[in-house]
Full PDB file with SEQRES, HELIX, SHEET, SSBOND, CRYST1, ORIGX, SCALE, CONECT and MASTER records, all heavy atoms in Angstrom:
SEQRES   1 A   37  PRO VAL CYS LEU ILE TRP GLY ARG ASP ASP LYS ILE THR          
SEQRES   2 A   37  PRO PRO GLU VAL ALA VAL GLU PHE ASN GLU MET LEU PRO          
SEQRES   3 A   37  ASN ALA GLU LEU HIS TRP ILE ASP LYS CYS GLY                  
HELIX    1 AA1 PRO A   15  MET A   24  1                                  10    
SHEET    1 AA1 2 VAL A   2  GLY A   7  0                                        
SHEET    2 AA1 2 ALA A  28  ILE A  33  1                                        
CRYST1    1.000    1.000    1.000  90.00  90.00  90.00 P 1           1          
ORIGX1      1.000000  0.000000  0.000000        0.00000                         
ORIGX2      0.000000  1.000000  0.000000        0.00000                         
ORIGX3      0.000000  0.000000  1.000000        0.00000                         
SCALE1      1.000000  0.000000  0.000000        0.00000                         
SCALE2      0.000000  1.000000  0.000000        0.00000                         
SCALE3      0.000000  0.000000  1.000000        0.00000                         
ATOM      1  N   PRO A   1      -4.789 -17.792 -11.610  1.00  0.00           N  
ATOM      2  CA  PRO A   1      -3.533 -17.161 -11.235  1.00  0.00           C  
ATOM      3  C   PRO A   1      -3.477 -15.702 -11.710  1.00  0.00           C  
ATOM      4  O   PRO A   1      -3.837 -15.398 -12.852  1.00  0.00           O  
ATOM      5  CB  PRO A   1      -2.478 -18.004 -11.959  1.00  0.00           C  
ATOM      6  CG  PRO A   1      -3.143 -19.299 -12.262  1.00  0.00           C  
ATOM      7  CD  PRO A   1      -4.586 -18.979 -12.472  1.00  0.00           C  
ATOM      8  N   VAL A   2      -3.057 -14.822 -10.814  1.00  0.00           N  
ATOM      9  CA  VAL A   2      -2.913 -13.398 -11.133  1.00  0.00           C  
ATOM     10  C   VAL A   2      -1.523 -12.943 -10.718  1.00  0.00           C  
ATOM     11  O   VAL A   2      -1.086 -13.180  -9.588  1.00  0.00           O  
ATOM     12  CB  VAL A   2      -3.971 -12.539 -10.407  1.00  0.00           C  
ATOM     13  CG1 VAL A   2      -3.791 -11.063 -10.780  1.00  0.00           C  
ATOM     14  CG2 VAL A   2      -5.381 -13.001 -10.735  1.00  0.00           C  
ATOM     15  N   CYS A   3      -0.830 -12.293 -11.634  1.00  0.00           N  
ATOM     16  CA  CYS A   3       0.483 -11.720 -11.353  1.00  0.00           C  
ATOM     17  C   CYS A   3       0.355 -10.193 -11.317  1.00  0.00           C  
ATOM     18  O   CYS A   3      -0.092  -9.578 -12.279  1.00  0.00           O  
ATOM     19  CB  CYS A   3       1.481 -12.143 -12.424  1.00  0.00           C  
ATOM     20  SG  CYS A   3       3.160 -11.521 -12.151  1.00  0.00           S  
ATOM     21  N   LEU A   4       0.730  -9.599 -10.191  1.00  0.00           N  
ATOM     22  CA  LEU A   4       0.728  -8.144 -10.026  1.00  0.00           C  
ATOM     23  C   LEU A   4       2.162  -7.658 -10.125  1.00  0.00           C  
ATOM     24  O   LEU A   4       3.020  -8.067  -9.334  1.00  0.00           O  
ATOM     25  CB  LEU A   4       0.137  -7.772  -8.666  1.00  0.00           C  
ATOM     26  CG  LEU A   4      -1.273  -8.294  -8.372  1.00  0.00           C  
ATOM     27  CD1 LEU A   4      -1.553  -8.249  -6.871  1.00  0.00           C  
ATOM     28  CD2 LEU A   4      -2.309  -7.490  -9.128  1.00  0.00           C  
ATOM     29  N   ILE A   5       2.436  -6.801 -11.108  1.00  0.00           N  
ATOM     30  CA  ILE A   5       3.778  -6.218 -11.263  1.00  0.00           C  
ATOM     31  C   ILE A   5       3.610  -4.711 -11.126  1.00  0.00           C  
ATOM     32  O   ILE A   5       2.967  -4.081 -11.969  1.00  0.00           O  
ATOM     33  CB  ILE A   5       4.413  -6.592 -12.615  1.00  0.00           C  
ATOM     34  CG1 ILE A   5       4.381  -8.112 -12.829  1.00  0.00           C  
ATOM     35  CG2 ILE A   5       5.842  -6.072 -12.692  1.00  0.00           C  
ATOM     36  CD1 ILE A   5       4.891  -8.571 -14.194  1.00  0.00           C  
ATOM     37  N   TRP A   6       4.179  -4.148 -10.069  1.00  0.00           N  
ATOM     38  CA  TRP A   6       3.824  -2.776  -9.687  1.00  0.00           C  
ATOM     39  C   TRP A   6       5.051  -1.898  -9.478  1.00  0.00           C  
ATOM     40  O   TRP A   6       6.046  -2.326  -8.891  1.00  0.00           O  
ATOM     41  CB  TRP A   6       3.043  -2.796  -8.379  1.00  0.00           C  
ATOM     42  CG  TRP A   6       1.788  -1.976  -8.415  1.00  0.00           C  
ATOM     43  CD1 TRP A   6       1.632  -0.686  -7.975  1.00  0.00           C  
ATOM     44  CD2 TRP A   6       0.502  -2.390  -8.902  1.00  0.00           C  
ATOM     45  NE1 TRP A   6       0.327  -0.280  -8.151  1.00  0.00           N  
ATOM     46  CE2 TRP A   6      -0.384  -1.313  -8.719  1.00  0.00           C  
ATOM     47  CE3 TRP A   6       0.021  -3.568  -9.473  1.00  0.00           C  
ATOM     48  CZ2 TRP A   6      -1.728  -1.378  -9.095  1.00  0.00           C  
ATOM     49  CZ3 TRP A   6      -1.305  -3.636  -9.838  1.00  0.00           C  
ATOM     50  CH2 TRP A   6      -2.161  -2.542  -9.646  1.00  0.00           C  
ATOM     51  N   GLY A   7       4.946  -0.667  -9.954  1.00  0.00           N  
ATOM     52  CA  GLY A   7       5.973   0.328  -9.665  1.00  0.00           C  
ATOM     53  C   GLY A   7       5.850   0.803  -8.224  1.00  0.00           C  
ATOM     54  O   GLY A   7       4.777   1.224  -7.797  1.00  0.00           O  
ATOM     55  N   ARG A   8       6.928   0.738  -7.484  1.00  0.00           N  
ATOM     56  CA  ARG A   8       6.870   1.129  -6.079  1.00  0.00           C  
ATOM     57  C   ARG A   8       6.638   2.631  -5.911  1.00  0.00           C  
ATOM     58  O   ARG A   8       6.253   3.099  -4.840  1.00  0.00           O  
ATOM     59  CB  ARG A   8       8.162   0.709  -5.363  1.00  0.00           C  
ATOM     60  CG  ARG A   8       7.979   0.527  -3.870  1.00  0.00           C  
ATOM     61  CD  ARG A   8       9.259   0.108  -3.199  1.00  0.00           C  
ATOM     62  NE  ARG A   8       9.598  -1.282  -3.387  1.00  0.00           N  
ATOM     63  CZ  ARG A   8       9.105  -2.283  -2.644  1.00  0.00           C  
ATOM     64  NH1 ARG A   8       8.228  -2.036  -1.708  1.00  0.00           N  
ATOM     65  NH2 ARG A   8       9.494  -3.518  -2.852  1.00  0.00           N  
ATOM     66  N   ASP A   9       6.858   3.380  -7.004  1.00  0.00           N  
ATOM     67  CA  ASP A   9       6.669   4.828  -6.956  1.00  0.00           C  
ATOM     68  C   ASP A   9       5.486   5.274  -7.819  1.00  0.00           C  
ATOM     69  O   ASP A   9       5.427   6.424  -8.249  1.00  0.00           O  
ATOM     70  CB  ASP A   9       7.955   5.528  -7.406  1.00  0.00           C  
ATOM     71  CG  ASP A   9       9.139   5.165  -6.525  1.00  0.00           C  
ATOM     72  OD1 ASP A   9       9.267   5.759  -5.447  1.00  0.00           O  
ATOM     73  OD2 ASP A   9       9.911   4.263  -6.904  1.00  0.00           O  
ATOM     74  N   ASP A  10       4.549   4.366  -8.042  1.00  0.00           N  
ATOM     75  CA  ASP A  10       3.338   4.683  -8.799  1.00  0.00           C  
ATOM     76  C   ASP A  10       2.499   5.675  -7.991  1.00  0.00           C  
ATOM     77  O   ASP A  10       2.076   5.384  -6.877  1.00  0.00           O  
ATOM     78  CB  ASP A  10       2.552   3.387  -9.042  1.00  0.00           C  
ATOM     79  CG  ASP A  10       1.353   3.559  -9.970  1.00  0.00           C  
ATOM     80  OD1 ASP A  10       0.896   4.703 -10.143  1.00  0.00           O  
ATOM     81  OD2 ASP A  10       0.885   2.540 -10.507  1.00  0.00           O  
ATOM     82  N   LYS A  11       2.249   6.853  -8.565  1.00  0.00           N  
ATOM     83  CA  LYS A  11       1.450   7.870  -7.872  1.00  0.00           C  
ATOM     84  C   LYS A  11      -0.015   7.837  -8.311  1.00  0.00           C  
ATOM     85  O   LYS A  11      -0.857   8.483  -7.703  1.00  0.00           O  
ATOM     86  CB  LYS A  11       2.047   9.262  -8.128  1.00  0.00           C  
ATOM     87  CG  LYS A  11       3.447   9.445  -7.537  1.00  0.00           C  
ATOM     88  CD  LYS A  11       3.932  10.873  -7.617  1.00  0.00           C  
ATOM     89  CE  LYS A  11       4.379  11.269  -9.015  1.00  0.00           C  
ATOM     90  NZ  LYS A  11       5.657  10.649  -9.412  1.00  0.00           N  
ATOM     91  N   ILE A  12      -0.304   7.133  -9.391  1.00  0.00           N  
ATOM     92  CA  ILE A  12      -1.680   7.079  -9.916  1.00  0.00           C  
ATOM     93  C   ILE A  12      -2.456   5.926  -9.284  1.00  0.00           C  
ATOM     94  O   ILE A  12      -3.590   6.106  -8.816  1.00  0.00           O  
ATOM     95  CB  ILE A  12      -1.657   6.992 -11.455  1.00  0.00           C  
ATOM     96  CG1 ILE A  12      -1.083   8.305 -12.018  1.00  0.00           C  
ATOM     97  CG2 ILE A  12      -3.061   6.737 -12.005  1.00  0.00           C  
ATOM     98  CD1 ILE A  12      -0.870   8.316 -13.492  1.00  0.00           C  
ATOM     99  N   THR A  13      -1.878   4.730  -9.289  1.00  0.00           N  
ATOM    100  CA  THR A  13      -2.423   3.616  -8.506  1.00  0.00           C  
ATOM    101  C   THR A  13      -1.325   3.231  -7.504  1.00  0.00           C  
ATOM    102  O   THR A  13      -0.518   2.350  -7.780  1.00  0.00           O  
ATOM    103  CB  THR A  13      -2.808   2.420  -9.401  1.00  0.00           C  
ATOM    104  OG1 THR A  13      -1.722   2.137 -10.310  1.00  0.00           O  
ATOM    105  CG2 THR A  13      -4.046   2.717 -10.216  1.00  0.00           C  
ATOM    106  N   PRO A  14      -1.288   3.909  -6.366  1.00  0.00           N  
ATOM    107  CA  PRO A  14      -0.151   3.795  -5.450  1.00  0.00           C  
ATOM    108  C   PRO A  14       0.036   2.393  -4.876  1.00  0.00           C  
ATOM    109  O   PRO A  14      -0.842   1.517  -5.032  1.00  0.00           O  
ATOM    110  CB  PRO A  14      -0.486   4.800  -4.346  1.00  0.00           C  
ATOM    111  CG  PRO A  14      -1.756   5.449  -4.690  1.00  0.00           C  
ATOM    112  CD  PRO A  14      -2.322   4.822  -5.911  1.00  0.00           C  
ATOM    113  N   PRO A  15       1.182   2.141  -4.224  1.00  0.00           N  
ATOM    114  CA  PRO A  15       1.505   0.804  -3.732  1.00  0.00           C  
ATOM    115  C   PRO A  15       0.406   0.151  -2.886  1.00  0.00           C  
ATOM    116  O   PRO A  15       0.196  -1.060  -2.969  1.00  0.00           O  
ATOM    117  CB  PRO A  15       2.774   1.036  -2.890  1.00  0.00           C  
ATOM    118  CG  PRO A  15       3.440   2.193  -3.572  1.00  0.00           C  
ATOM    119  CD  PRO A  15       2.323   3.080  -4.036  1.00  0.00           C  
ATOM    120  N   GLU A  16      -0.330   0.957  -2.099  1.00  0.00           N  
ATOM    121  CA  GLU A  16      -1.380   0.350  -1.268  1.00  0.00           C  
ATOM    122  C   GLU A  16      -2.481  -0.298  -2.115  1.00  0.00           C  
ATOM    123  O   GLU A  16      -3.159  -1.220  -1.668  1.00  0.00           O  
ATOM    124  CB  GLU A  16      -1.987   1.373  -0.304  1.00  0.00           C  
ATOM    125  CG  GLU A  16      -2.536   2.621  -0.937  1.00  0.00           C  
ATOM    126  CD  GLU A  16      -1.543   3.777  -0.959  1.00  0.00           C  
ATOM    127  OE1 GLU A  16      -0.319   3.521  -1.033  1.00  0.00           O  
ATOM    128  OE2 GLU A  16      -2.005   4.929  -0.915  1.00  0.00           O  
ATOM    129  N   VAL A  17      -2.644   0.177  -3.352  1.00  0.00           N  
ATOM    130  CA  VAL A  17      -3.609  -0.442  -4.266  1.00  0.00           C  
ATOM    131  C   VAL A  17      -3.150  -1.861  -4.618  1.00  0.00           C  
ATOM    132  O   VAL A  17      -3.939  -2.815  -4.592  1.00  0.00           O  
ATOM    133  CB  VAL A  17      -3.783   0.403  -5.546  1.00  0.00           C  
ATOM    134  CG1 VAL A  17      -4.681  -0.314  -6.550  1.00  0.00           C  
ATOM    135  CG2 VAL A  17      -4.359   1.770  -5.210  1.00  0.00           C  
ATOM    136  N   ALA A  18      -1.867  -1.991  -4.928  1.00  0.00           N  
ATOM    137  CA  ALA A  18      -1.323  -3.318  -5.256  1.00  0.00           C  
ATOM    138  C   ALA A  18      -1.437  -4.259  -4.067  1.00  0.00           C  
ATOM    139  O   ALA A  18      -1.780  -5.442  -4.228  1.00  0.00           O  
ATOM    140  CB  ALA A  18       0.138  -3.186  -5.686  1.00  0.00           C  
ATOM    141  N   VAL A  19      -1.171  -3.755  -2.874  1.00  0.00           N  
ATOM    142  CA  VAL A  19      -1.275  -4.579  -1.665  1.00  0.00           C  
ATOM    143  C   VAL A  19      -2.706  -5.065  -1.482  1.00  0.00           C  
ATOM    144  O   VAL A  19      -2.949  -6.239  -1.167  1.00  0.00           O  
ATOM    145  CB  VAL A  19      -0.797  -3.779  -0.431  1.00  0.00           C  
ATOM    146  CG1 VAL A  19      -1.113  -4.542   0.853  1.00  0.00           C  
ATOM    147  CG2 VAL A  19       0.694  -3.497  -0.525  1.00  0.00           C  
ATOM    148  N   GLU A  20      -3.672  -4.169  -1.710  1.00  0.00           N  
ATOM    149  CA  GLU A  20      -5.078  -4.550  -1.567  1.00  0.00           C  
ATOM    150  C   GLU A  20      -5.481  -5.591  -2.613  1.00  0.00           C  
ATOM    151  O   GLU A  20      -6.170  -6.560  -2.300  1.00  0.00           O  
ATOM    152  CB  GLU A  20      -5.970  -3.311  -1.664  1.00  0.00           C  
ATOM    153  CG  GLU A  20      -7.401  -3.570  -1.242  1.00  0.00           C  
ATOM    154  CD  GLU A  20      -8.215  -2.306  -1.070  1.00  0.00           C  
ATOM    155  OE1 GLU A  20      -7.621  -1.218  -0.908  1.00  0.00           O  
ATOM    156  OE2 GLU A  20      -9.461  -2.400  -1.098  1.00  0.00           O  
ATOM    157  N   PHE A  21      -5.054  -5.390  -3.861  1.00  0.00           N  
ATOM    158  CA  PHE A  21      -5.307  -6.400  -4.895  1.00  0.00           C  
ATOM    159  C   PHE A  21      -4.745  -7.757  -4.449  1.00  0.00           C  
ATOM    160  O   PHE A  21      -5.408  -8.790  -4.559  1.00  0.00           O  
ATOM    161  CB  PHE A  21      -4.645  -6.000  -6.219  1.00  0.00           C  
ATOM    162  CG  PHE A  21      -5.506  -5.168  -7.132  1.00  0.00           C  
ATOM    163  CD1 PHE A  21      -5.041  -3.952  -7.627  1.00  0.00           C  
ATOM    164  CD2 PHE A  21      -6.762  -5.598  -7.528  1.00  0.00           C  
ATOM    165  CE1 PHE A  21      -5.822  -3.177  -8.486  1.00  0.00           C  
ATOM    166  CE2 PHE A  21      -7.550  -4.840  -8.381  1.00  0.00           C  
ATOM    167  CZ  PHE A  21      -7.077  -3.624  -8.863  1.00  0.00           C  
ATOM    168  N   ASN A  22      -3.526  -7.738  -3.958  1.00  0.00           N  
ATOM    169  CA  ASN A  22      -2.845  -8.974  -3.578  1.00  0.00           C  
ATOM    170  C   ASN A  22      -3.561  -9.682  -2.433  1.00  0.00           C  
ATOM    171  O   ASN A  22      -3.640 -10.913  -2.398  1.00  0.00           O  
ATOM    172  CB  ASN A  22      -1.404  -8.657  -3.178  1.00  0.00           C  
ATOM    173  CG  ASN A  22      -0.550  -9.901  -3.041  1.00  0.00           C  
ATOM    174  OD1 ASN A  22      -0.568 -10.777  -3.900  1.00  0.00           O  
ATOM    175  ND2 ASN A  22       0.199  -9.984  -1.958  1.00  0.00           N  
ATOM    176  N   GLU A  23      -4.108  -8.900  -1.503  1.00  0.00           N  
ATOM    177  CA  GLU A  23      -4.814  -9.481  -0.362  1.00  0.00           C  
ATOM    178  C   GLU A  23      -6.174 -10.052  -0.758  1.00  0.00           C  
ATOM    179  O   GLU A  23      -6.624 -11.056  -0.193  1.00  0.00           O  
ATOM    180  CB  GLU A  23      -4.995  -8.423   0.733  1.00  0.00           C  
ATOM    181  CG  GLU A  23      -3.693  -8.046   1.434  1.00  0.00           C  
ATOM    182  CD  GLU A  23      -3.868  -6.873   2.379  1.00  0.00           C  
ATOM    183  OE1 GLU A  23      -4.944  -6.217   2.343  1.00  0.00           O  
ATOM    184  OE2 GLU A  23      -2.926  -6.583   3.141  1.00  0.00           O  
ATOM    185  N   MET A  24      -6.829  -9.424  -1.734  1.00  0.00           N  
ATOM    186  CA  MET A  24      -8.208  -9.796  -2.054  1.00  0.00           C  
ATOM    187  C   MET A  24      -8.318 -10.833  -3.165  1.00  0.00           C  
ATOM    188  O   MET A  24      -9.311 -11.568  -3.232  1.00  0.00           O  
ATOM    189  CB  MET A  24      -9.004  -8.543  -2.427  1.00  0.00           C  
ATOM    190  CG  MET A  24      -9.078  -7.542  -1.285  1.00  0.00           C  
ATOM    191  SD  MET A  24     -10.121  -6.134  -1.661  1.00  0.00           S  
ATOM    192  CE  MET A  24     -11.730  -6.898  -1.532  1.00  0.00           C  
ATOM    193  N   LEU A  25      -7.325 -10.896  -4.046  1.00  0.00           N  
ATOM    194  CA  LEU A  25      -7.343 -11.909  -5.104  1.00  0.00           C  
ATOM    195  C   LEU A  25      -6.815 -13.228  -4.527  1.00  0.00           C  
ATOM    196  O   LEU A  25      -5.694 -13.264  -4.006  1.00  0.00           O  
ATOM    197  CB  LEU A  25      -6.488 -11.453  -6.282  1.00  0.00           C  
ATOM    198  CG  LEU A  25      -7.070 -10.300  -7.116  1.00  0.00           C  
ATOM    199  CD1 LEU A  25      -5.978  -9.611  -7.916  1.00  0.00           C  
ATOM    200  CD2 LEU A  25      -8.178 -10.804  -8.042  1.00  0.00           C  
ATOM    201  N   PRO A  26      -7.581 -14.308  -4.594  1.00  0.00           N  
ATOM    202  CA  PRO A  26      -7.217 -15.548  -3.903  1.00  0.00           C  
ATOM    203  C   PRO A  26      -5.920 -16.196  -4.375  1.00  0.00           C  
ATOM    204  O   PRO A  26      -5.263 -16.893  -3.604  1.00  0.00           O  
ATOM    205  CB  PRO A  26      -8.410 -16.481  -4.189  1.00  0.00           C  
ATOM    206  CG  PRO A  26      -9.538 -15.585  -4.540  1.00  0.00           C  
ATOM    207  CD  PRO A  26      -8.923 -14.390  -5.213  1.00  0.00           C  
ATOM    208  N   ASN A  27      -5.560 -15.985  -5.645  1.00  0.00           N  
ATOM    209  CA  ASN A  27      -4.424 -16.717  -6.211  1.00  0.00           C  
ATOM    210  C   ASN A  27      -3.453 -15.734  -6.871  1.00  0.00           C  
ATOM    211  O   ASN A  27      -3.090 -15.881  -8.033  1.00  0.00           O  
ATOM    212  CB  ASN A  27      -4.934 -17.754  -7.224  1.00  0.00           C  
ATOM    213  CG  ASN A  27      -3.863 -18.733  -7.644  1.00  0.00           C  
ATOM    214  OD1 ASN A  27      -2.795 -18.811  -7.042  1.00  0.00           O  
ATOM    215  ND2 ASN A  27      -4.147 -19.482  -8.693  1.00  0.00           N  
ATOM    216  N   ALA A  28      -3.056 -14.714  -6.088  1.00  0.00           N  
ATOM    217  CA  ALA A  28      -2.223 -13.641  -6.643  1.00  0.00           C  
ATOM    218  C   ALA A  28      -0.800 -13.683  -6.099  1.00  0.00           C  
ATOM    219  O   ALA A  28      -0.539 -14.207  -5.011  1.00  0.00           O  
ATOM    220  CB  ALA A  28      -2.843 -12.280  -6.326  1.00  0.00           C  
ATOM    221  N   GLU A  29       0.098 -13.137  -6.883  1.00  0.00           N  
ATOM    222  CA  GLU A  29       1.465 -12.889  -6.416  1.00  0.00           C  
ATOM    223  C   GLU A  29       1.838 -11.463  -6.804  1.00  0.00           C  
ATOM    224  O   GLU A  29       1.436 -10.976  -7.859  1.00  0.00           O  
ATOM    225  CB  GLU A  29       2.444 -13.895  -7.021  1.00  0.00           C  
ATOM    226  CG  GLU A  29       2.482 -13.924  -8.547  1.00  0.00           C  
ATOM    227  CD  GLU A  29       3.433 -15.000  -9.073  1.00  0.00           C  
ATOM    228  OE1 GLU A  29       3.148 -16.192  -8.871  1.00  0.00           O  
ATOM    229  OE2 GLU A  29       4.452 -14.626  -9.683  1.00  0.00           O  
ATOM    230  N   LEU A  30       2.578 -10.788  -5.931  1.00  0.00           N  
ATOM    231  CA  LEU A  30       2.899  -9.368  -6.115  1.00  0.00           C  
ATOM    232  C   LEU A  30       4.398  -9.175  -6.228  1.00  0.00           C  
ATOM    233  O   LEU A  30       5.165  -9.670  -5.393  1.00  0.00           O  
ATOM    234  CB  LEU A  30       2.341  -8.558  -4.940  1.00  0.00           C  
ATOM    235  CG  LEU A  30       2.720  -7.081  -4.847  1.00  0.00           C  
ATOM    236  CD1 LEU A  30       2.313  -6.308  -6.096  1.00  0.00           C  
ATOM    237  CD2 LEU A  30       2.110  -6.451  -3.598  1.00  0.00           C  
ATOM    238  N   HIS A  31       4.806  -8.434  -7.269  1.00  0.00           N  
ATOM    239  CA  HIS A  31       6.217  -8.126  -7.484  1.00  0.00           C  
ATOM    240  C   HIS A  31       6.388  -6.614  -7.611  1.00  0.00           C  
ATOM    241  O   HIS A  31       5.646  -5.959  -8.352  1.00  0.00           O  
ATOM    242  CB  HIS A  31       6.724  -8.823  -8.753  1.00  0.00           C  
ATOM    243  CG  HIS A  31       6.524 -10.312  -8.733  1.00  0.00           C  
ATOM    244  ND1 HIS A  31       7.340 -11.150  -8.014  1.00  0.00           N  
ATOM    245  CD2 HIS A  31       5.570 -11.089  -9.313  1.00  0.00           C  
ATOM    246  CE1 HIS A  31       6.915 -12.403  -8.172  1.00  0.00           C  
ATOM    247  NE2 HIS A  31       5.847 -12.381  -8.948  1.00  0.00           N  
ATOM    248  N   TRP A  32       7.378  -6.089  -6.903  1.00  0.00           N  
ATOM    249  CA  TRP A  32       7.640  -4.650  -6.911  1.00  0.00           C  
ATOM    250  C   TRP A  32       8.810  -4.315  -7.827  1.00  0.00           C  
ATOM    251  O   TRP A  32       9.780  -5.066  -7.912  1.00  0.00           O  
ATOM    252  CB  TRP A  32       7.980  -4.161  -5.511  1.00  0.00           C  
ATOM    253  CG  TRP A  32       6.887  -4.304  -4.511  1.00  0.00           C  
ATOM    254  CD1 TRP A  32       6.817  -5.214  -3.481  1.00  0.00           C  
ATOM    255  CD2 TRP A  32       5.699  -3.521  -4.426  1.00  0.00           C  
ATOM    256  NE1 TRP A  32       5.663  -5.044  -2.768  1.00  0.00           N  
ATOM    257  CE2 TRP A  32       4.962  -4.012  -3.311  1.00  0.00           C  
ATOM    258  CE3 TRP A  32       5.187  -2.457  -5.165  1.00  0.00           C  
ATOM    259  CZ2 TRP A  32       3.733  -3.463  -2.941  1.00  0.00           C  
ATOM    260  CZ3 TRP A  32       3.967  -1.915  -4.786  1.00  0.00           C  
ATOM    261  CH2 TRP A  32       3.257  -2.411  -3.689  1.00  0.00           C  
ATOM    262  N   ILE A  33       8.713  -3.175  -8.485  1.00  0.00           N  
ATOM    263  CA  ILE A  33       9.835  -2.637  -9.254  1.00  0.00           C  
ATOM    264  C   ILE A  33      10.173  -1.270  -8.671  1.00  0.00           C  
ATOM    265  O   ILE A  33       9.337  -0.360  -8.657  1.00  0.00           O  
ATOM    266  CB  ILE A  33       9.512  -2.532 -10.759  1.00  0.00           C  
ATOM    267  CG1 ILE A  33       9.187  -3.923 -11.324  1.00  0.00           C  
ATOM    268  CG2 ILE A  33      10.674  -1.899 -11.510  1.00  0.00           C  
ATOM    269  CD1 ILE A  33       8.869  -3.943 -12.808  1.00  0.00           C  
ATOM    270  N   ASP A  34      11.380  -1.139  -8.161  1.00  0.00           N  
ATOM    271  CA  ASP A  34      11.810   0.111  -7.537  1.00  0.00           C  
ATOM    272  C   ASP A  34      12.055   1.198  -8.578  1.00  0.00           C  
ATOM    273  O   ASP A  34      12.352   0.916  -9.745  1.00  0.00           O  
ATOM    274  CB  ASP A  34      13.095  -0.110  -6.729  1.00  0.00           C  
ATOM    275  CG  ASP A  34      12.852  -0.987  -5.507  1.00  0.00           C  
ATOM    276  OD1 ASP A  34      11.739  -0.931  -4.949  1.00  0.00           O  
ATOM    277  OD2 ASP A  34      13.788  -1.721  -5.119  1.00  0.00           O  
ATOM    278  N   LYS A  35      11.938   2.449  -8.125  1.00  0.00           N  
ATOM    279  CA  LYS A  35      12.165   3.619  -8.984  1.00  0.00           C  
ATOM    280  C   LYS A  35      11.347   3.502 -10.272  1.00  0.00           C  
ATOM    281  O   LYS A  35      11.867   3.632 -11.382  1.00  0.00           O  
ATOM    282  CB  LYS A  35      13.655   3.777  -9.296  1.00  0.00           C  
ATOM    283  CG  LYS A  35      14.498   4.041  -8.050  1.00  0.00           C  
ATOM    284  CD  LYS A  35      15.951   4.267  -8.386  1.00  0.00           C  
ATOM    285  CE  LYS A  35      16.748   4.568  -7.121  1.00  0.00           C  
ATOM    286  NZ  LYS A  35      18.188   4.768  -7.394  1.00  0.00           N  
ATOM    287  N   CYS A  36      10.073   3.249 -10.099  1.00  0.00           N  
ATOM    288  CA  CYS A  36       9.199   2.984 -11.241  1.00  0.00           C  
ATOM    289  C   CYS A  36       7.804   3.493 -10.933  1.00  0.00           C  
ATOM    290  O   CYS A  36       7.302   3.334  -9.810  1.00  0.00           O  
ATOM    291  CB  CYS A  36       9.170   1.475 -11.508  1.00  0.00           C  
ATOM    292  SG  CYS A  36       8.142   1.005 -12.919  1.00  0.00           S  
ATOM    293  N   GLY A  37       7.156   4.098 -11.920  1.00  0.00           N  
ATOM    294  CA  GLY A  37       5.842   4.674 -11.765  1.00  0.00           C  
ATOM    295  C   GLY A  37       4.722   3.774 -12.262  1.00  0.00           C  
ATOM    296  O   GLY A  37       4.722   2.563 -12.041  1.00  0.00           O  
TER     297      GLY A  37                                                      
MASTER        0    0    0    1    2    0    0    6  296    1    0    3          
END                                                                             
């Protein structure tokens, strides 16, 4: 199990990075935090 907790305004590892992690990790869940880097 992998939990991804990501800032929606992350400029260093931007949101598309989290989406890619979520798609490629077989047992992942992704949660967004707004107004967060």
